[in-house]
Amino acid sequence: MKKEKINIGIIGLGRIGKMHVRNIHQNLPMFNLKSVADPAPDVDFIQSLENISFSKNIDNIISDKTIDAVIVCSPTPTHYEIIKKCATHRKHVFCEKPLSFSENEIQKIIKMMRDKKFFIQVGLNRRFDQDFVIAKKKVDAGLIGDIHTIHITNHDAAIPGFKFLKSSGGMLFDLCIHDFDMLNFLTGEKIKEVYVNGNVFIEPRLKEIGDIDNAIITIELESGILCSIDSSRQTHYGYDQRIEIFGSKGVISVENKPESLYYFSNQESTETSKIKHSFIERYKDSYIAELKHFYTCIMSNTKPDPGPENILSAIRVAAAGRKSLETKIPQGVKDE
């Protein structure tokens, strides 16, 4: 591809779709956003867009021969059919996680990608967070020696609406999928065994659909590294995101990012800034960085990382975790 700019379309204008639109306008001049599509659009948001066509029909984007790549931000159950259509029209795809809830569909997507020779990048944005990248580099350099344990805290600020929760695939496939992938990213290892203990403390209706809103997850990696994840759908105090990697020579930790570095203390009290409230605020830079990577891969004809193979590994962990939650027994993770 000789040209410097890539014409792109966005399918799905929920919270994350709108975020990508804003990021492209403000921070990603290498993309030319030509068109957006959503079956139930936010009219005010659509009207704020200039020089961008809009349609309720996603086929108008996919069939547009001038569009080189598509960002898919629609609900997960729609991803497979959209990617099939993009494959037919040889359009590169950036798709929000988890690509699909089905191992079989993801395997078919991998085959499509190879046969049709188009690229798919999966929106596992935390791999592009600068602090997590530094942590990985330090681990790879042997700074803390042999890893013994890893602990991840993943707490959302506010629980999503029940409509979203019903279609999210469940807490393990939605919220915790990032954590399963992060363990692979930090260590290069796959997960061998998972045990999930979870309960409902926030949204009682989750019991009706067999889901949870809080979980403690214990994991063993291939080499025997022991990992734990504590996850919650709601904190009220902000988006709580921490990682600790403990090894034979020391420890590496990534702490929460505050809204500011403000600090005050006297004999009566101490005040500090609150942590960032949402995933969009906490991971703002990583969302920009992942699309820069997508652009670079297309321009250099290089397969993006992370791709469908990465999310397939994480989906297998989530599936084993769901079985563990149901049986109250640790489950081995399928590896093919």
Protein backbone atom coordinates (compact mmCIF):
# COMPACT_ATOMS: atom_id res chain seq x y z
CA MET A 1 0.00 0.00 0.00
CA LYS A 2 1.77 3.12 -1.31
CA LYS A 3 -0.40 5.91 0.08
CA GLU A 4 0.34 7.48 3.44
CA LYS A 5 -3.23 7.67 4.75
CA ILE A 6 -5.56 4.73 5.23
CA ASN A 7 -9.28 5.15 4.57
CA ILE A 8 -11.20 3.58 7.41
CA GLY A 9 -14.79 2.92 8.53
CA ILE A 10 -16.19 2.29 12.00
CA ILE A 11 -19.05 -0.11 12.72
CA GLY A 12 -20.76 0.44 16.08
CA LEU A 13 -21.04 3.78 17.85
CA GLY A 14 -21.40 2.85 21.48
CA ARG A 15 -19.02 4.22 24.08
CA ILE A 16 -15.92 2.57 22.62
CA GLY A 17 -16.87 3.33 19.01
CA LYS A 18 -17.25 7.01 19.85
CA MET A 19 -13.89 6.91 21.64
CA HIS A 20 -12.19 5.58 18.49
CA VAL A 21 -13.85 8.31 16.41
CA ARG A 22 -12.52 11.00 18.75
CA ASN A 23 -9.05 9.44 18.88
CA ILE A 24 -8.82 9.31 15.09
CA HIS A 25 -9.86 12.96 14.81
CA GLN A 26 -7.56 14.20 17.56
CA ASN A 27 -4.56 11.87 17.61
CA LEU A 28 -4.39 9.63 14.54
CA PRO A 29 -3.93 11.72 11.37
CA MET A 30 -2.67 8.65 9.47
CA PHE A 31 -6.30 7.49 9.23
CA ASN A 32 -8.97 9.11 7.10
CA LEU A 33 -12.30 8.26 8.72
CA LYS A 34 -14.71 8.09 5.79
CA SER A 35 -17.81 6.47 7.21
CA VAL A 36 -19.53 5.20 10.34
CA ALA A 37 -22.46 2.83 10.77
CA ASP A 38 -24.79 1.98 13.62
CA PRO A 39 -28.36 0.59 13.48
CA ALA A 40 -29.51 2.80 16.37
CA PRO A 41 -27.33 5.93 16.23
CA ASP A 42 -26.84 8.70 18.73
CA VAL A 43 -28.25 11.51 16.58
CA ASP A 44 -26.45 14.32 18.42
CA PHE A 45 -23.11 12.54 18.05
CA ILE A 46 -23.71 11.85 14.35
CA GLN A 47 -24.56 15.48 13.73
CA SER A 48 -21.29 16.54 15.36
CA LEU A 49 -19.27 14.65 12.73
CA GLU A 50 -18.07 16.63 9.75
CA ASN A 51 -17.19 15.23 6.32
CA ILE A 52 -18.04 11.69 7.46
CA SER A 53 -20.86 9.71 5.89
CA PHE A 54 -23.28 7.79 8.11
CA SER A 55 -25.45 4.74 7.52
CA LYS A 56 -27.60 2.39 9.55
CA ASN A 57 -26.55 -0.39 7.19
CA ILE A 58 -23.05 -1.80 7.85
CA ASP A 59 -22.88 -3.20 4.30
CA ASN A 60 -22.46 0.34 3.00
CA ILE A 61 -19.08 0.48 4.73
CA ILE A 62 -17.98 -3.06 3.90
CA SER A 63 -18.86 -2.78 0.20
CA ASP A 64 -17.22 0.65 -0.22
CA LYS A 65 -14.17 -0.01 -2.42
CA THR A 66 -12.44 3.16 -1.22
CA ILE A 67 -12.35 1.95 2.40
CA ASP A 68 -9.22 -0.08 3.23
CA ALA A 69 -9.94 -1.17 6.80
CA VAL A 70 -12.80 -1.44 9.29
CA ILE A 71 -12.90 -0.94 13.06
CA VAL A 72 -15.56 -3.22 14.55
CA CYS A 73 -17.09 -1.94 17.81
CA SER A 74 -20.50 -3.60 17.60
CA PRO A 75 -21.71 -6.20 20.17
CA THR A 76 -19.66 -9.40 20.25
CA PRO A 77 -22.41 -11.67 18.80
CA THR A 78 -22.26 -9.62 15.56
CA HIS A 79 -18.48 -9.83 15.07
CA TYR A 80 -18.25 -13.14 13.24
CA GLU A 81 -20.64 -12.23 10.41
CA ILE A 82 -19.09 -8.77 10.03
CA ILE A 83 -15.59 -10.24 9.77
CA LYS A 84 -16.82 -12.78 7.19
CA LYS A 85 -18.11 -9.92 5.05
CA CYS A 86 -14.87 -7.97 5.49
CA ALA A 87 -12.91 -11.06 4.41
CA THR A 88 -14.99 -11.30 1.23
CA HIS A 89 -14.14 -7.69 0.41
CA ARG A 90 -10.49 -8.04 1.51
CA LYS A 91 -10.72 -5.33 4.15
CA HIS A 92 -8.33 -5.34 7.11
CA VAL A 93 -10.12 -5.54 10.45
CA PHE A 94 -9.49 -4.10 13.88
CA CYS A 95 -12.05 -5.80 16.13
CA GLU A 96 -12.79 -5.18 19.78
CA LYS A 97 -12.39 -8.17 22.07
CA PRO A 98 -13.35 -10.91 22.49
CA LEU A 99 -13.87 -11.40 18.70
CA SER A 100 -16.36 -14.21 19.43
CA PHE A 101 -17.53 -16.31 22.36
CA SER A 102 -17.07 -19.44 20.23
CA GLU A 103 -13.74 -21.24 19.80
CA ASN A 104 -15.04 -22.70 16.56
CA GLU A 105 -15.86 -19.27 15.12
CA ILE A 106 -12.45 -17.88 16.08
CA GLN A 107 -10.74 -20.85 14.41
CA LYS A 108 -12.78 -20.16 11.27
CA ILE A 109 -11.73 -16.51 11.43
CA ILE A 110 -8.07 -17.55 11.63
CA LYS A 111 -8.54 -19.70 8.54
CA MET A 112 -10.32 -16.84 6.72
CA MET A 113 -7.46 -14.52 7.55
CA ARG A 114 -4.93 -16.92 6.07
CA ASP A 115 -6.97 -17.81 2.99
CA LYS A 116 -8.10 -14.29 2.09
CA LYS A 117 -4.81 -12.67 3.09
CA PHE A 118 -6.18 -9.82 5.15
CA PHE A 119 -5.14 -8.70 8.65
CA ILE A 120 -7.10 -8.88 11.89
CA GLN A 121 -5.98 -7.13 15.06
CA VAL A 122 -7.89 -7.76 18.29
CA GLY A 123 -8.51 -4.90 20.72
CA LEU A 124 -6.50 -6.22 23.66
CA ASN A 125 -5.40 -2.68 24.38
CA ARG A 126 -3.68 -3.33 27.70
CA ARG A 127 -0.75 -4.86 25.80
CA PHE A 128 -0.07 -1.30 24.62
CA ASP A 129 -0.20 0.38 28.04
CA GLN A 130 3.21 1.97 28.53
CA ASP A 131 3.56 0.83 32.15
CA PHE A 132 2.65 -2.78 31.39
CA VAL A 133 5.08 -2.71 28.44
CA ILE A 134 7.86 -1.51 30.76
CA ALA A 135 6.99 -4.25 33.26
CA LYS A 136 7.22 -6.88 30.53
CA LYS A 137 10.60 -5.55 29.34
CA LYS A 138 11.96 -5.69 32.89
CA VAL A 139 10.66 -9.24 33.33
CA ASP A 140 12.18 -10.30 30.00
CA ALA A 141 15.51 -8.73 31.04
CA GLY A 142 15.57 -10.91 34.17
CA LEU A 143 15.34 -7.98 36.59
CA ILE A 144 13.33 -9.96 39.15
CA GLY A 145 14.79 -13.37 38.32
CA ASP A 146 12.44 -16.32 38.05
CA ILE A 147 8.79 -15.37 38.46
CA HIS A 148 7.05 -17.04 41.39
CA THR A 149 3.67 -15.32 41.56
CA ILE A 150 1.59 -12.72 39.70
CA HIS A 151 -1.40 -10.90 41.15
CA ILE A 152 -3.82 -8.80 39.09
CA THR A 153 -6.52 -6.50 40.46
CA ASN A 154 -9.23 -5.59 37.93
CA HIS A 155 -12.12 -3.59 39.41
CA ASP A 156 -14.50 -1.55 37.25
CA ALA A 157 -15.77 1.74 38.62
CA ALA A 158 -19.46 1.17 37.92
CA ILE A 159 -21.35 -1.90 36.81
CA PRO A 160 -22.72 -1.70 33.24
CA GLY A 161 -26.45 -1.77 32.56
CA PHE A 162 -28.19 -5.13 32.71
CA LYS A 163 -28.91 -5.05 28.97
CA PHE A 164 -25.17 -5.04 28.28
CA LEU A 165 -24.48 -7.64 30.96
CA LYS A 166 -26.95 -10.06 29.34
CA SER A 167 -25.13 -9.88 25.99
CA SER A 168 -21.56 -9.58 27.32
CA GLY A 169 -20.89 -13.30 27.48
CA GLY A 170 -20.46 -13.12 31.24
CA MET A 171 -17.85 -11.61 33.52
CA LEU A 172 -15.14 -14.12 32.59
CA PHE A 173 -15.51 -13.51 28.84
CA ASP A 174 -15.94 -9.74 29.15
CA LEU A 175 -14.04 -8.22 32.08
CA CYS A 176 -11.54 -10.97 32.96
CA ILE A 177 -10.55 -11.78 29.38
CA HIS A 178 -8.01 -8.93 29.53
CA ASP A 179 -6.39 -10.47 32.61
CA PHE A 180 -6.05 -13.92 31.05
CA ASP A 181 -4.34 -12.32 28.07
CA MET A 182 -2.14 -10.12 30.28
CA LEU A 183 -0.67 -13.19 31.98
CA ASN A 184 0.31 -14.52 28.55
CA PHE A 185 1.68 -11.11 27.52
CA LEU A 186 3.84 -10.69 30.63
CA THR A 187 5.27 -14.22 30.69
CA GLY A 188 4.91 -15.65 27.18
CA GLU A 189 3.31 -18.69 28.78
CA LYS A 190 -0.11 -20.25 28.38
CA ILE A 191 -2.45 -20.97 31.26
CA LYS A 192 -2.47 -24.60 32.37
CA GLU A 193 -5.21 -24.64 35.02
CA VAL A 194 -7.84 -22.25 36.34
CA TYR A 195 -10.10 -22.21 39.41
CA VAL A 196 -12.85 -19.62 39.74
CA ASN A 197 -14.77 -18.76 42.89
CA GLY A 198 -17.39 -16.10 42.25
CA ASN A 199 -20.58 -14.61 43.63
CA VAL A 200 -23.22 -11.93 43.08
CA PHE A 201 -23.04 -8.94 45.42
CA ILE A 202 -24.07 -6.00 43.23
CA GLU A 203 -26.68 -6.93 40.60
CA PRO A 204 -29.11 -9.64 41.86
CA ARG A 205 -30.51 -10.26 38.35
CA LEU A 206 -27.16 -11.77 37.34
CA LYS A 207 -28.16 -14.91 39.24
CA GLU A 208 -31.00 -15.38 36.75
CA ILE A 209 -28.53 -15.65 33.85
CA GLY A 210 -25.86 -17.65 35.67
CA ASP A 211 -23.34 -14.82 35.88
CA ILE A 212 -21.37 -13.18 38.71
CA ASP A 213 -20.13 -9.69 39.55
CA ASN A 214 -17.18 -10.55 41.82
CA ALA A 215 -14.55 -13.25 41.46
CA ILE A 216 -11.34 -14.60 42.91
CA ILE A 217 -9.48 -16.58 40.23
CA THR A 218 -6.49 -18.85 40.89
CA ILE A 219 -4.32 -19.82 37.92
CA GLU A 220 -1.27 -21.99 37.25
CA LEU A 221 0.85 -21.29 34.17
CA GLU A 222 2.70 -23.90 32.12
CA SER A 223 5.93 -23.52 34.09
CA GLY A 224 4.18 -23.63 37.47
CA ILE A 225 3.98 -19.85 38.09
CA LEU A 226 1.09 -19.19 40.47
CA CYS A 227 -1.30 -16.36 39.63
CA SER A 228 -4.33 -14.76 41.21
CA ILE A 229 -6.90 -12.33 39.87
CA ASP A 230 -9.43 -10.45 41.98
CA SER A 231 -12.11 -8.88 39.86
CA SER A 232 -15.21 -6.83 40.55
CA ARG A 233 -17.81 -5.08 38.43
CA GLN A 234 -18.01 -2.04 40.72
CA THR A 235 -15.89 -0.01 43.14
CA HIS A 236 -17.64 3.40 43.35
CA TYR A 237 -14.17 4.95 43.87
CA GLY A 238 -12.66 4.59 40.38
CA TYR A 239 -11.14 2.17 37.90
CA ASP A 240 -8.86 0.04 40.09
CA GLN A 241 -6.11 -1.55 37.96
CA ARG A 242 -2.98 -3.01 39.56
CA ILE A 243 -0.44 -5.74 38.80
CA GLU A 244 2.30 -7.25 41.00
CA ILE A 245 4.94 -9.63 39.62
CA PHE A 246 7.02 -11.30 42.35
CA GLY A 247 10.21 -13.19 41.58
CA SER A 248 13.36 -14.71 43.00
CA LYS A 249 15.26 -11.38 42.85
CA GLY A 250 12.57 -8.82 43.53
CA VAL A 251 9.16 -7.48 42.65
CA ILE A 252 7.68 -5.30 39.89
CA SER A 253 4.37 -3.54 40.42
CA VAL A 254 2.16 -1.26 38.35
CA GLU A 255 -0.12 0.89 40.45
CA ASN A 256 -3.23 2.94 39.71
CA LYS A 257 -3.00 6.19 37.77
CA PRO A 258 -4.44 9.16 39.69
CA GLU A 259 -6.37 12.00 38.09
CA SER A 260 -3.53 14.32 39.17
CA LEU A 261 -0.41 14.27 41.34
CA TYR A 262 -2.09 16.52 43.92
CA TYR A 263 -1.16 15.71 47.51
CA PHE A 264 -1.88 17.56 50.75
CA SER A 265 -1.19 16.60 54.34
CA ASN A 266 -1.26 18.31 57.73
CA GLN A 267 -1.80 17.26 61.31
CA GLU A 268 -5.55 16.87 60.83
CA SER A 269 -5.84 15.08 57.48
CA THR A 270 -4.28 13.90 54.26
CA GLU A 271 -5.69 14.44 50.78
CA THR A 272 -4.68 12.83 47.49
CA SER A 273 -6.21 12.76 44.04
CA LYS A 274 -8.71 10.05 43.15
CA ILE A 275 -7.79 7.37 40.64
CA LYS A 276 -9.10 7.64 37.08
CA HIS A 277 -12.77 6.78 36.79
CA SER A 278 -13.18 4.74 33.61
CA PHE A 279 -11.30 2.40 31.28
CA ILE A 280 -11.34 5.09 28.60
CA GLU A 281 -9.51 7.50 30.91
CA ARG A 282 -7.11 4.93 32.40
CA TYR A 283 -6.10 3.40 29.08
CA LYS A 284 -6.42 6.44 26.82
CA ASP A 285 -2.85 6.24 25.51
CA SER A 286 -3.03 2.49 24.93
CA TYR A 287 -6.14 2.87 22.74
CA ILE A 288 -4.22 5.33 20.57
CA ALA A 289 -1.10 3.14 20.51
CA GLU A 290 -2.98 0.02 19.41
CA LEU A 291 -4.41 1.80 16.35
CA LYS A 292 -0.99 3.19 15.49
CA HIS A 293 0.23 -0.42 15.54
CA PHE A 294 -2.67 -1.44 13.28
CA TYR A 295 -1.69 1.29 10.81
CA THR A 296 1.99 0.31 10.87
CA CYS A 297 1.17 -3.35 10.25
CA ILE A 298 -1.03 -2.55 7.25
CA MET A 299 1.55 -0.21 5.75
CA SER A 300 4.41 -2.68 6.24
CA ASN A 301 2.35 -5.77 5.31
CA THR A 302 3.08 -7.28 8.73
CA LYS A 303 0.68 -9.45 10.72
CA PRO A 304 -0.66 -7.51 13.74
CA ASP A 305 -0.10 -8.69 17.28
CA PRO A 306 -2.35 -9.37 19.15
CA GLY A 307 -4.41 -11.33 16.66
CA PRO A 308 -7.12 -14.00 16.70
CA GLU A 309 -4.72 -16.63 18.05
CA ASN A 310 -4.20 -14.57 21.21
CA ILE A 311 -7.89 -14.13 21.93
CA LEU A 312 -8.47 -17.83 21.20
CA SER A 313 -6.11 -18.71 24.07
CA ALA A 314 -7.92 -16.29 26.40
CA ILE A 315 -11.36 -17.58 25.36
CA ARG A 316 -10.27 -21.14 26.21
CA VAL A 317 -9.31 -19.97 29.70
CA ALA A 318 -12.67 -18.21 30.11
CA ALA A 319 -14.52 -21.37 29.01
CA ALA A 320 -12.56 -23.49 31.48
CA GLY A 321 -13.17 -20.85 34.14
CA ARG A 322 -16.92 -20.96 33.55
CA LYS A 323 -16.86 -24.74 33.99
CA SER A 324 -14.83 -24.32 37.18
CA LEU A 325 -17.36 -21.81 38.51
CA GLU A 326 -20.19 -24.28 37.82
CA THR A 327 -18.45 -27.36 39.25
CA LYS A 328 -16.42 -25.73 42.06
CA ILE A 329 -13.43 -27.72 40.74
CA PRO A 330 -10.18 -26.50 39.11
CA GLN A 331 -10.19 -27.07 35.36
CA GLY A 332 -7.40 -27.76 32.91
CA VAL A 333 -7.29 -25.39 29.94
CA LYS A 334 -7.63 -26.82 26.45
CA ASP A 335 -4.44 -26.44 24.42
CA GLU A 336 -4.32 -27.19 20.70
